[in-house]
PDB file of N, CA and C in Angstrom:
ATOM      1  N   UNK A   1      14.774-185.082-118.494  1.00  0.00           N
ATOM      2  CA  UNK A   1      14.098-184.796-117.238  1.00  0.00           C
ATOM      3  C   UNK A   1      14.289-183.318-116.916  1.00  0.00           C
ATOM      4  N   UNK A   2      13.226-182.600-116.719  1.00  0.00           N
ATOM      5  CA  UNK A   2      13.299-181.175-116.417  1.00  0.00           C
ATOM      6  C   UNK A   2      12.900-180.945-114.973  1.00  0.00           C
ATOM      7  N   UNK A   3      13.508-179.913-114.394  1.00  0.00           N
ATOM      8  CA  UNK A   3      13.201-179.551-113.005  1.00  0.00           C
ATOM      9  C   UNK A   3      12.285-178.349-113.007  1.00  0.00           C
ATOM     10  N   UNK A   4      11.332-178.353-112.071  1.00  0.00           N
ATOM     11  CA  UNK A   4      10.499-177.171-111.915  1.00  0.00           C
ATOM     12  C   UNK A   4      11.254-176.164-111.061  1.00  0.00           C
ATOM     13  N   UNK A   5      11.321-174.954-111.545  1.00  0.00           N
ATOM     14  CA  UNK A   5      12.039-173.904-110.839  1.00  0.00           C
ATOM     15  C   UNK A   5      11.015-172.927-110.279  1.00  0.00           C
ATOM     16  N   UNK A   6      11.185-172.599-108.998  1.00  0.00           N
ATOM     17  CA  UNK A   6      10.254-171.668-108.354  1.00  0.00           C
ATOM     18  C   UNK A   6      10.638-170.237-108.696  1.00  0.00           C
ATOM     19  N   UNK A   7       9.894-169.258-108.168  1.00  0.00           N
ATOM     20  CA  UNK A   7      10.180-167.854-108.453  1.00  0.00           C
ATOM     21  C   UNK A   7      11.527-167.417-107.931  1.00  0.00           C
ATOM     22  N   UNK A   8      12.027-168.086-106.889  1.00  0.00           N
ATOM     23  CA  UNK A   8      13.318-167.694-106.318  1.00  0.00           C
ATOM     24  C   UNK A   8      14.483-168.264-107.115  1.00  0.00           C
ATOM     25  N   UNK A   9      14.199-169.113-108.072  1.00  0.00           N
ATOM     26  CA  UNK A   9      15.262-169.690-108.877  1.00  0.00           C
ATOM     27  C   UNK A   9      15.793-170.997-108.316  1.00  0.00           C
ATOM     28  N   UNK A  10      15.232-171.479-107.238  1.00  0.00           N
ATOM     29  CA  UNK A  10      15.673-172.730-106.620  1.00  0.00           C
ATOM     30  C   UNK A  10      14.720-173.829-107.052  1.00  0.00           C
ATOM     31  N   UNK A  11      15.257-174.953-107.525  1.00  0.00           N
ATOM     32  CA  UNK A  11      14.366-176.044-107.903  1.00  0.00           C
ATOM     33  C   UNK A  11      13.490-176.480-106.733  1.00  0.00           C
ATOM     34  N   UNK A  12      12.264-176.900-107.041  1.00  0.00           N
ATOM     35  CA  UNK A  12      11.302-177.264-106.013  1.00  0.00           C
ATOM     36  C   UNK A  12      11.782-178.371-105.085  1.00  0.00           C
ATOM     37  N   UNK A  13      12.447-179.387-105.627  1.00  0.00           N
ATOM     38  CA  UNK A  13      12.889-180.499-104.784  1.00  0.00           C
ATOM     39  C   UNK A  13      13.989-180.058-103.828  1.00  0.00           C
ATOM     40  N   UNK A  14      14.834-179.115-104.232  1.00  0.00           N
ATOM     41  CA  UNK A  14      15.886-178.629-103.322  1.00  0.00           C
ATOM     42  C   UNK A  14      15.283-177.830-102.165  1.00  0.00           C
ATOM     43  N   UNK A  15      14.265-177.059-102.471  1.00  0.00           N
ATOM     44  CA  UNK A  15      13.593-176.277-101.441  1.00  0.00           C
ATOM     45  C   UNK A  15      12.929-177.194-100.428  1.00  0.00           C
ATOM     46  N   UNK A  16      12.268-178.237-100.930  1.00  0.00           N
ATOM     47  CA  UNK A  16      11.622-179.194-100.022  1.00  0.00           C
ATOM     48  C   UNK A  16      12.654-179.961 -99.205  1.00  0.00           C
ATOM     49  N   UNK A  17      13.762-180.327 -99.825  1.00  0.00           N
ATOM     50  CA  UNK A  17      14.819-181.047 -99.113  1.00  0.00           C
ATOM     51  C   UNK A  17      15.429-180.162 -98.020  1.00  0.00           C
ATOM     52  N   UNK A  18      15.597-178.877 -98.304  1.00  0.00           N
ATOM     53  CA  UNK A  18      16.109-177.958 -97.287  1.00  0.00           C
ATOM     54  C   UNK A  18      15.124-177.847 -96.125  1.00  0.00           C
ATOM     55  N   UNK A  19      13.825-177.854 -96.422  1.00  0.00           N
ATOM     56  CA  UNK A  19      12.812-177.814 -95.371  1.00  0.00           C
ATOM     57  C   UNK A  19      12.850-179.057 -94.500  1.00  0.00           C
ATOM     58  N   UNK A  20      13.040-180.203 -95.125  1.00  0.00           N
ATOM     59  CA  UNK A  20      13.159-181.459 -94.364  1.00  0.00           C
ATOM     60  C   UNK A  20      14.407-181.413 -93.487  1.00  0.00           C
ATOM     61  N   UNK A  21      15.497-180.875 -94.015  1.00  0.00           N
ATOM     62  CA  UNK A  21      16.734-180.757 -93.235  1.00  0.00           C
ATOM     63  C   UNK A  21      16.554-179.872 -92.016  1.00  0.00           C
ATOM     64  N   UNK A  22      15.852-178.745 -92.198  1.00  0.00           N
ATOM     65  CA  UNK A  22      15.588-177.868 -91.045  1.00  0.00           C
ATOM     66  C   UNK A  22      14.704-178.562 -90.019  1.00  0.00           C
ATOM     67  N   UNK A  23      13.730-179.322 -90.479  1.00  0.00           N
ATOM     68  CA  UNK A  23      12.854-180.054 -89.563  1.00  0.00           C
ATOM     69  C   UNK A  23      13.618-181.098 -88.767  1.00  0.00           C
ATOM     70  N   UNK A  24      14.502-181.827 -89.431  1.00  0.00           N
ATOM     71  CA  UNK A  24      15.306-182.834 -88.731  1.00  0.00           C
ATOM     72  C   UNK A  24      16.256-182.177 -87.727  1.00  0.00           C
ATOM     73  N   UNK A  25      16.817-181.032 -88.103  1.00  0.00           N
ATOM     74  CA  UNK A  25      17.688-180.307 -87.176  1.00  0.00           C
ATOM     75  C   UNK A  25      16.924-179.913 -85.923  1.00  0.00           C
ATOM     76  N   UNK A  26      15.714-179.405 -86.090  1.00  0.00           N
ATOM     77  CA  UNK A  26      14.891-179.035 -84.932  1.00  0.00           C
ATOM     78  C   UNK A  26      14.521-180.252 -84.095  1.00  0.00           C
ATOM     79  N   UNK A  27      14.242-181.364 -84.757  1.00  0.00           N
ATOM     80  CA  UNK A  27      13.843-182.577 -84.050  1.00  0.00           C
ATOM     81  C   UNK A  27      14.980-183.117 -83.181  1.00  0.00           C
ATOM     82  N   UNK A  28      16.190-183.167 -83.741  1.00  0.00           N
ATOM     83  CA  UNK A  28      17.296-183.761 -83.001  1.00  0.00           C
ATOM     84  C   UNK A  28      17.962-182.789 -82.026  1.00  0.00           C
ATOM     85  N   UNK A  29      18.048-181.512 -82.368  1.00  0.00           N
ATOM     86  CA  UNK A  29      18.733-180.555 -81.503  1.00  0.00           C
ATOM     87  C   UNK A  29      17.791-179.876 -80.520  1.00  0.00           C
ATOM     88  N   UNK A  30      16.494-179.972 -80.744  1.00  0.00           N
ATOM     89  CA  UNK A  30      15.513-179.301 -79.903  1.00  0.00           C
ATOM     90  C   UNK A  30      15.638-179.596 -78.418  1.00  0.00           C
ATOM     91  N   UNK A  31      15.720-180.869 -78.026  1.00  0.00           N
ATOM     92  CA  UNK A  31      15.796-181.174 -76.589  1.00  0.00           C
ATOM     93  C   UNK A  31      17.076-180.670 -75.916  1.00  0.00           C
ATOM     94  N   UNK A  32      18.095-180.359 -76.697  1.00  0.00           N
ATOM     95  CA  UNK A  32      19.384-179.970 -76.125  1.00  0.00           C
ATOM     96  C   UNK A  32      19.662-178.479 -76.234  1.00  0.00           C
ATOM     97  N   UNK A  33      18.683-177.703 -76.675  1.00  0.00           N
ATOM     98  CA  UNK A  33      18.906-176.263 -76.844  1.00  0.00           C
ATOM     99  C   UNK A  33      19.312-175.591 -75.546  1.00  0.00           C
ATOM    100  N   UNK A  34      18.667-175.924 -74.455  1.00  0.00           N
ATOM    101  CA  UNK A  34      19.027-175.286 -73.179  1.00  0.00           C
ATOM    102  C   UNK A  34      20.427-175.700 -72.736  1.00  0.00           C
ATOM    103  N   UNK A  35      20.801-176.942 -73.007  1.00  0.00           N
ATOM    104  CA  UNK A  35      22.152-177.400 -72.666  1.00  0.00           C
ATOM    105  C   UNK A  35      23.189-176.652 -73.485  1.00  0.00           C
ATOM    106  N   UNK A  36      22.917-176.477 -74.774  1.00  0.00           N
ATOM    107  CA  UNK A  36      23.828-175.729 -75.636  1.00  0.00           C
ATOM    108  C   UNK A  36      23.929-174.278 -75.189  1.00  0.00           C
ATOM    109  N   UNK A  37      22.808-173.681 -74.822  1.00  0.00           N
ATOM    110  CA  UNK A  37      22.809-172.285 -74.377  1.00  0.00           C
ATOM    111  C   UNK A  37      23.595-172.141 -73.079  1.00  0.00           C
ATOM    112  N   UNK A  38      23.443-173.089 -72.169  1.00  0.00           N
ATOM    113  CA  UNK A  38      24.179-173.047 -70.897  1.00  0.00           C
ATOM    114  C   UNK A  38      25.685-173.194 -71.135  1.00  0.00           C
ATOM    115  N   UNK A  39      26.071-174.095 -72.026  1.00  0.00           N
ATOM    116  CA  UNK A  39      27.488-174.273 -72.336  1.00  0.00           C
ATOM    117  C   UNK A  39      28.061-173.023 -72.996  1.00  0.00           C
ATOM    118  N   UNK A  40      27.287-172.387 -73.866  1.00  0.00           N
ATOM    119  CA  UNK A  40      27.742-171.156 -74.512  1.00  0.00           C
ATOM    120  C   UNK A  40      27.906-170.043 -73.479  1.00  0.00           C
ATOM    121  N   UNK A  41      26.968-169.942 -72.527  1.00  0.00           N
ATOM    122  CA  UNK A  41      27.061-168.936 -71.466  1.00  0.00           C
ATOM    123  C   UNK A  41      28.273-169.180 -70.573  1.00  0.00           C
ATOM    124  N   UNK A  42      28.510-170.445 -70.208  1.00  0.00           N
ATOM    125  CA  UNK A  42      29.672-170.770 -69.377  1.00  0.00           C
ATOM    126  C   UNK A  42      30.976-170.420 -70.087  1.00  0.00           C
ATOM    127  N   UNK A  43      31.022-170.700 -71.390  1.00  0.00           N
ATOM    128  CA  UNK A  43      32.208-170.382 -72.170  1.00  0.00           C
ATOM    129  C   UNK A  43      32.421-168.873 -72.250  1.00  0.00           C
ATOM    130  N   UNK A  44      31.351-168.133 -72.422  1.00  0.00           N
ATOM    131  CA  UNK A  44      31.468-166.679 -72.470  1.00  0.00           C
ATOM    132  C   UNK A  44      31.883-166.119 -71.109  1.00  0.00           C
ATOM    133  N   UNK A  45      31.383-166.699 -70.021  1.00  0.00           N
ATOM    134  CA  UNK A  45      31.779-166.260 -68.683  1.00  0.00           C
ATOM    135  C   UNK A  45      33.275-166.472 -68.459  1.00  0.00           C
ATOM    136  N   UNK A  46      33.787-167.594 -68.897  1.00  0.00           N
ATOM    137  CA  UNK A  46      35.220-167.857 -68.766  1.00  0.00           C
ATOM    138  C   UNK A  46      36.026-166.870 -69.600  1.00  0.00           C
ATOM    139  N   UNK A  47      35.542-166.581 -70.801  1.00  0.00           N
ATOM    140  CA  UNK A  47      36.222-165.610 -71.662  1.00  0.00           C
ATOM    141  C   UNK A  47      36.248-164.233 -71.009  1.00  0.00           C
ATOM    142  N   UNK A  48      35.109-163.811 -70.453  1.00  0.00           N
ATOM    143  CA  UNK A  48      35.048-162.506 -69.794  1.00  0.00           C
ATOM    144  C   UNK A  48      35.987-162.474 -68.595  1.00  0.00           C
ATOM    145  N   UNK A  49      36.068-163.564 -67.858  1.00  0.00           N
ATOM    146  CA  UNK A  49      36.964-163.626 -66.702  1.00  0.00           C
ATOM    147  C   UNK A  49      38.418-163.515 -67.150  1.00  0.00           C
ATOM    148  N   UNK A  50      38.753-164.139 -68.260  1.00  0.00           N
ATOM    149  CA  UNK A  50      40.121-164.043 -68.769  1.00  0.00           C
ATOM    150  C   UNK A  50      40.443-162.619 -69.228  1.00  0.00           C
ATOM    151  N   UNK A  51      39.485-161.959 -69.856  1.00  0.00           N
ATOM    152  CA  UNK A  51      39.723-160.602 -70.343  1.00  0.00           C
ATOM    153  C   UNK A  51      39.850-159.622 -69.179  1.00  0.00           C
ATOM    154  N   UNK A  52      38.991-159.751 -68.177  1.00  0.00           N
ATOM    155  CA  UNK A  52      38.993-158.818 -67.046  1.00  0.00           C
ATOM    156  C   UNK A  52      39.856-159.284 -65.880  1.00  0.00           C
ATOM    157  N   UNK A  53      40.550-160.392 -66.002  1.00  0.00           N
ATOM    158  CA  UNK A  53      41.301-160.932 -64.861  1.00  0.00           C
ATOM    159  C   UNK A  53      42.378-159.968 -64.380  1.00  0.00           C
ATOM    160  N   UNK A  54      43.068-159.326 -65.271  1.00  0.00           N
ATOM    161  CA  UNK A  54      44.114-158.399 -64.855  1.00  0.00           C
ATOM    162  C   UNK A  54      43.515-157.214 -64.099  1.00  0.00           C
ATOM    163  N   UNK A  55      42.358-156.738 -64.538  1.00  0.00           N
ATOM    164  CA  UNK A  55      41.697-155.626 -63.848  1.00  0.00           C
ATOM    165  C   UNK A  55      41.128-156.057 -62.499  1.00  0.00           C
ATOM    166  N   UNK A  56      40.818-157.339 -62.353  1.00  0.00           N
ATOM    167  CA  UNK A  56      40.276-157.846 -61.097  1.00  0.00           C
ATOM    168  C   UNK A  56      41.374-158.251 -60.111  1.00  0.00           C
ATOM    169  N   UNK A  57      42.638-158.166 -60.530  1.00  0.00           N
ATOM    170  CA  UNK A  57      43.747-158.480 -59.633  1.00  0.00           C
ATOM    171  C   UNK A  57      44.268-159.889 -59.767  1.00  0.00           C
ATOM    172  N   UNK A  58      43.814-160.617 -60.735  1.00  0.00           N
ATOM    173  CA  UNK A  58      44.299-161.974 -60.972  1.00  0.00           C
ATOM    174  C   UNK A  58      45.382-161.887 -62.043  1.00  0.00           C
ATOM    175  N   UNK A  59      46.587-162.381 -61.758  1.00  0.00           N
ATOM    176  CA  UNK A  59      47.643-162.292 -62.763  1.00  0.00           C
ATOM    177  C   UNK A  59      47.265-163.065 -64.027  1.00  0.00           C
ATOM    178  N   UNK A  60      47.469-162.423 -65.158  1.00  0.00           N
ATOM    179  CA  UNK A  60      47.119-163.021 -66.436  1.00  0.00           C
ATOM    180  C   UNK A  60      48.329-162.931 -67.358  1.00  0.00           C
ATOM    181  N   UNK A  61      48.903-164.059 -67.721  1.00  0.00           N
ATOM    182  CA  UNK A  61      50.081-164.006 -68.597  1.00  0.00           C
ATOM    183  C   UNK A  61      49.754-163.506 -70.006  1.00  0.00           C
ATOM    184  N   UNK A  62      48.511-163.518 -70.392  1.00  0.00           N
ATOM    185  CA  UNK A  62      48.123-163.076 -71.725  1.00  0.00           C
ATOM    186  C   UNK A  62      47.485-161.690 -71.701  1.00  0.00           C
ATOM    187  N   UNK A  63      47.774-160.905 -70.683  1.00  0.00           N
ATOM    188  CA  UNK A  63      47.116-159.596 -70.550  1.00  0.00           C
ATOM    189  C   UNK A  63      47.475-158.662 -71.693  1.00  0.00           C
ATOM    190  N   UNK A  64      48.631-158.817 -72.275  1.00  0.00           N
ATOM    191  CA  UNK A  64      49.021-157.986 -73.415  1.00  0.00           C
ATOM    192  C   UNK A  64      48.034-158.170 -74.570  1.00  0.00           C
ATOM    193  N   UNK A  65      47.545-159.381 -74.755  1.00  0.00           N
ATOM    194  CA  UNK A  65      46.623-159.661 -75.853  1.00  0.00           C
ATOM    195  C   UNK A  65      45.171-159.379 -75.474  1.00  0.00           C
ATOM    196  N   UNK A  66      44.828-159.598 -74.223  1.00  0.00           N
ATOM    197  CA  UNK A  66      43.436-159.404 -73.823  1.00  0.00           C
ATOM    198  C   UNK A  66      43.074-157.941 -73.650  1.00  0.00           C
ATOM    199  N   UNK A  67      44.063-157.067 -73.458  1.00  0.00           N
ATOM    200  CA  UNK A  67      43.754-155.650 -73.303  1.00  0.00           C
ATOM    201  C   UNK A  67      43.145-155.091 -74.589  1.00  0.00           C
ATOM    202  N   UNK A  68      43.456-155.670 -75.716  1.00  0.00           N
ATOM    203  CA  UNK A  68      42.866-155.231 -76.988  1.00  0.00           C
ATOM    204  C   UNK A  68      41.381-155.561 -77.062  1.00  0.00           C
ATOM    205  N   UNK A  69      40.935-156.532 -76.282  1.00  0.00           N
ATOM    206  CA  UNK A  69      39.541-156.962 -76.324  1.00  0.00           C
ATOM    207  C   UNK A  69      38.654-156.176 -75.366  1.00  0.00           C
ATOM    208  N   UNK A  70      39.226-155.401 -74.477  1.00  0.00           N
ATOM    209  CA  UNK A  70      38.433-154.680 -73.481  1.00  0.00           C
ATOM    210  C   UNK A  70      37.350-153.793 -74.091  1.00  0.00           C
ATOM    211  N   UNK A  71      37.643-152.972 -75.099  1.00  0.00           N
ATOM    212  CA  UNK A  71      36.559-152.151 -75.664  1.00  0.00           C
ATOM    213  C   UNK A  71      35.409-152.975 -76.244  1.00  0.00           C
ATOM    214  N   UNK A  72      35.706-154.160 -76.703  1.00  0.00           N
ATOM    215  CA  UNK A  72      34.669-155.011 -77.298  1.00  0.00           C
ATOM    216  C   UNK A  72      33.742-155.577 -76.233  1.00  0.00           C
ATOM    217  N   UNK A  73      34.277-155.934 -75.086  1.00  0.00           N
ATOM    218  CA  UNK A  73      33.472-156.597 -74.060  1.00  0.00           C
ATOM    219  C   UNK A  73      32.933-155.648 -72.991  1.00  0.00           C
ATOM    220  N   UNK A  74      33.307-154.362 -73.020  1.00  0.00           N
ATOM    221  CA  UNK A  74      32.788-153.419 -72.024  1.00  0.00           C
ATOM    222  C   UNK A  74      31.272-153.341 -72.040  1.00  0.00           C
ATOM    223  N   UNK A  75      30.673-153.397 -73.214  1.00  0.00           N
ATOM    224  CA  UNK A  75      29.212-153.272 -73.288  1.00  0.00           C
ATOM    225  C   UNK A  75      28.490-154.463 -72.663  1.00  0.00           C
ATOM    226  N   UNK A  76      29.146-155.603 -72.562  1.00  0.00           N
ATOM    227  CA  UNK A  76      28.523-156.775 -71.940  1.00  0.00           C
ATOM    228  C   UNK A  76      28.955-156.958 -70.492  1.00  0.00           C
ATOM    229  N   UNK A  77      29.757-156.036 -69.951  1.00  0.00           N
ATOM    230  CA  UNK A  77      30.306-156.192 -68.611  1.00  0.00           C
ATOM    231  C   UNK A  77      29.222-156.184 -67.535  1.00  0.00           C
ATOM    232  N   UNK A  78      28.268-155.275 -67.641  1.00  0.00           N
ATOM    233  CA  UNK A  78      27.210-155.193 -66.629  1.00  0.00           C
ATOM    234  C   UNK A  78      26.426-156.499 -66.551  1.00  0.00           C
ATOM    235  N   UNK A  79      26.030-157.011 -67.688  1.00  0.00           N
ATOM    236  CA  UNK A  79      25.291-158.281 -67.727  1.00  0.00           C
ATOM    237  C   UNK A  79      26.121-159.399 -67.111  1.00  0.00           C
ATOM    238  N   UNK A  80      27.426-159.416 -67.381  1.00  0.00           N
ATOM    239  CA  UNK A  80      28.293-160.474 -66.875  1.00  0.00           C
ATOM    240  C   UNK A  80      28.442-160.403 -65.361  1.00  0.00           C
ATOM    241  N   UNK A  81      28.726-159.220 -64.819  1.00  0.00           N
ATOM    242  CA  UNK A  81      28.959-159.174 -63.368  1.00  0.00           C
ATOM    243  C   UNK A  81      27.667-159.411 -62.596  1.00  0.00           C
ATOM    244  N   UNK A  82      26.517-159.084 -63.158  1.00  0.00           N
ATOM    245  CA  UNK A  82      25.244-159.406 -62.500  1.00  0.00           C
ATOM    246  C   UNK A  82      25.011-160.923 -62.523  1.00  0.00           C
ATOM    247  N   UNK A  83      25.349-161.572 -63.625  1.00  0.00           N
ATOM    248  CA  UNK A  83      25.182-163.023 -63.734  1.00  0.00           C
ATOM    249  C   UNK A  83      26.127-163.760 -62.794  1.00  0.00           C
ATOM    250  N   UNK A  84      27.284-163.161 -62.513  1.00  0.00           N
ATOM    251  CA  UNK A  84      28.249-163.771 -61.606  1.00  0.00           C
ATOM    252  C   UNK A  84      27.894-163.546 -60.136  1.00  0.00           C
ATOM    253  N   UNK A  85      26.820-162.763 -59.870  1.00  0.00           N
ATOM    254  CA  UNK A  85      26.356-162.558 -58.512  1.00  0.00           C
ATOM    255  C   UNK A  85      26.948-161.346 -57.826  1.00  0.00           C
ATOM    256  N   UNK A  86      27.566-160.457 -58.584  1.00  0.00           N
ATOM    257  CA  UNK A  86      28.130-159.235 -58.008  1.00  0.00           C
ATOM    258  C   UNK A  86      27.107-158.109 -58.160  1.00  0.00           C
ATOM    259  N   UNK A  87      26.706-157.527 -57.033  1.00  0.00           N
ATOM    260  CA  UNK A  87      25.710-156.450 -57.069  1.00  0.00           C
ATOM    261  C   UNK A  87      26.260-155.209 -57.752  1.00  0.00           C
ATOM    262  N   UNK A  88      27.473-154.852 -57.401  1.00  0.00           N
ATOM    263  CA  UNK A  88      28.125-153.665 -57.965  1.00  0.00           C
ATOM    264  C   UNK A  88      29.316-154.093 -58.810  1.00  0.00           C
ATOM    265  N   UNK A  89      29.764-153.199 -59.647  1.00  0.00           N
ATOM    266  CA  UNK A  89      30.930-153.474 -60.488  1.00  0.00           C
ATOM    267  C   UNK A  89      32.160-153.682 -59.611  1.00  0.00           C
ATOM    268  N   UNK A  90      32.909-154.740 -59.806  1.00  0.00           N
ATOM    269  CA  UNK A  90      34.102-154.986 -58.989  1.00  0.00           C
ATOM    270  C   UNK A  90      35.281-154.104 -59.403  1.00  0.00           C
ATOM    271  N   UNK A  91      35.160-153.384 -60.502  1.00  0.00           N
ATOM    272  CA  UNK A  91      36.246-152.551 -60.972  1.00  0.00           C
ATOM    273  C   UNK A  91      36.001-151.107 -60.545  1.00  0.00           C
ATOM    274  N   UNK A  92      37.021-150.497 -59.956  1.00  0.00           N
ATOM    275  CA  UNK A  92      36.896-149.101 -59.537  1.00  0.00           C
ATOM    276  C   UNK A  92      36.837-148.174 -60.749  1.00  0.00           C
ATOM    277  N   UNK A  93      37.534-148.544 -61.800  1.00  0.00           N
ATOM    278  CA  UNK A  93      37.609-147.678 -62.969  1.00  0.00           C
ATOM    279  C   UNK A  93      36.371-147.788 -63.872  1.00  0.00           C
ATOM    280  N   UNK A  94      35.546-148.776 -63.649  1.00  0.00           N
ATOM    281  CA  UNK A  94      34.378-148.982 -64.501  1.00  0.00           C
ATOM    282  C   UNK A  94      33.142-149.100 -63.614  1.00  0.00           C
ATOM    283  N   UNK A  95      32.355-148.047 -63.570  1.00  0.00           N
ATOM    284  CA  UNK A  95      31.130-148.108 -62.789  1.00  0.00           C
ATOM    285  C   UNK A  95      29.958-148.143 -63.760  1.00  0.00           C
ATOM    286  N   UNK A  96      29.329-149.265 -63.854  1.00  0.00           N
ATOM    287  CA  UNK A  96      28.247-149.413 -64.834  1.00  0.00           C
ATOM    288  C   UNK A  96      26.884-149.329 -64.170  1.00  0.00           C
ATOM    289  N   UNK A  97      26.806-149.469 -62.852  1.00  0.00           N
ATOM    290  CA  UNK A  97      25.491-149.419 -62.211  1.00  0.00           C
ATOM    291  C   UNK A  97      25.524-148.591 -60.943  1.00  0.00           C
TER     292      UNK A  97
END
C-alpha cells in the first residue's frame, strides 16, 4: 500500500485529517471563544494587579519577585488602567496619558 505525498511532503490523508481536526476544534470551541477571552483578560488583570500592587500601595509579599516583571508589563499598563476604569495613571512615577 503506497501513500500519495503532496508537494509539502505530508501524505494526503494526514493533511485531510488535520483539516477535519481544525474544523472540529472550531465547531466545539467556537461558541465559547468570548468566554475564554474574558477569562484570559480577567487572569491578566489579576496578574497586572499583583505586579503593580506594591506601587499602588497594597502590600505584596512577593514584591521581590514581581519587581523583575515591571519592565515587561509597562507597555501594557495604559491599556490595563483604562480597562480598570481609571482615567489617569494611578502611579505618580509612571505617567502614560
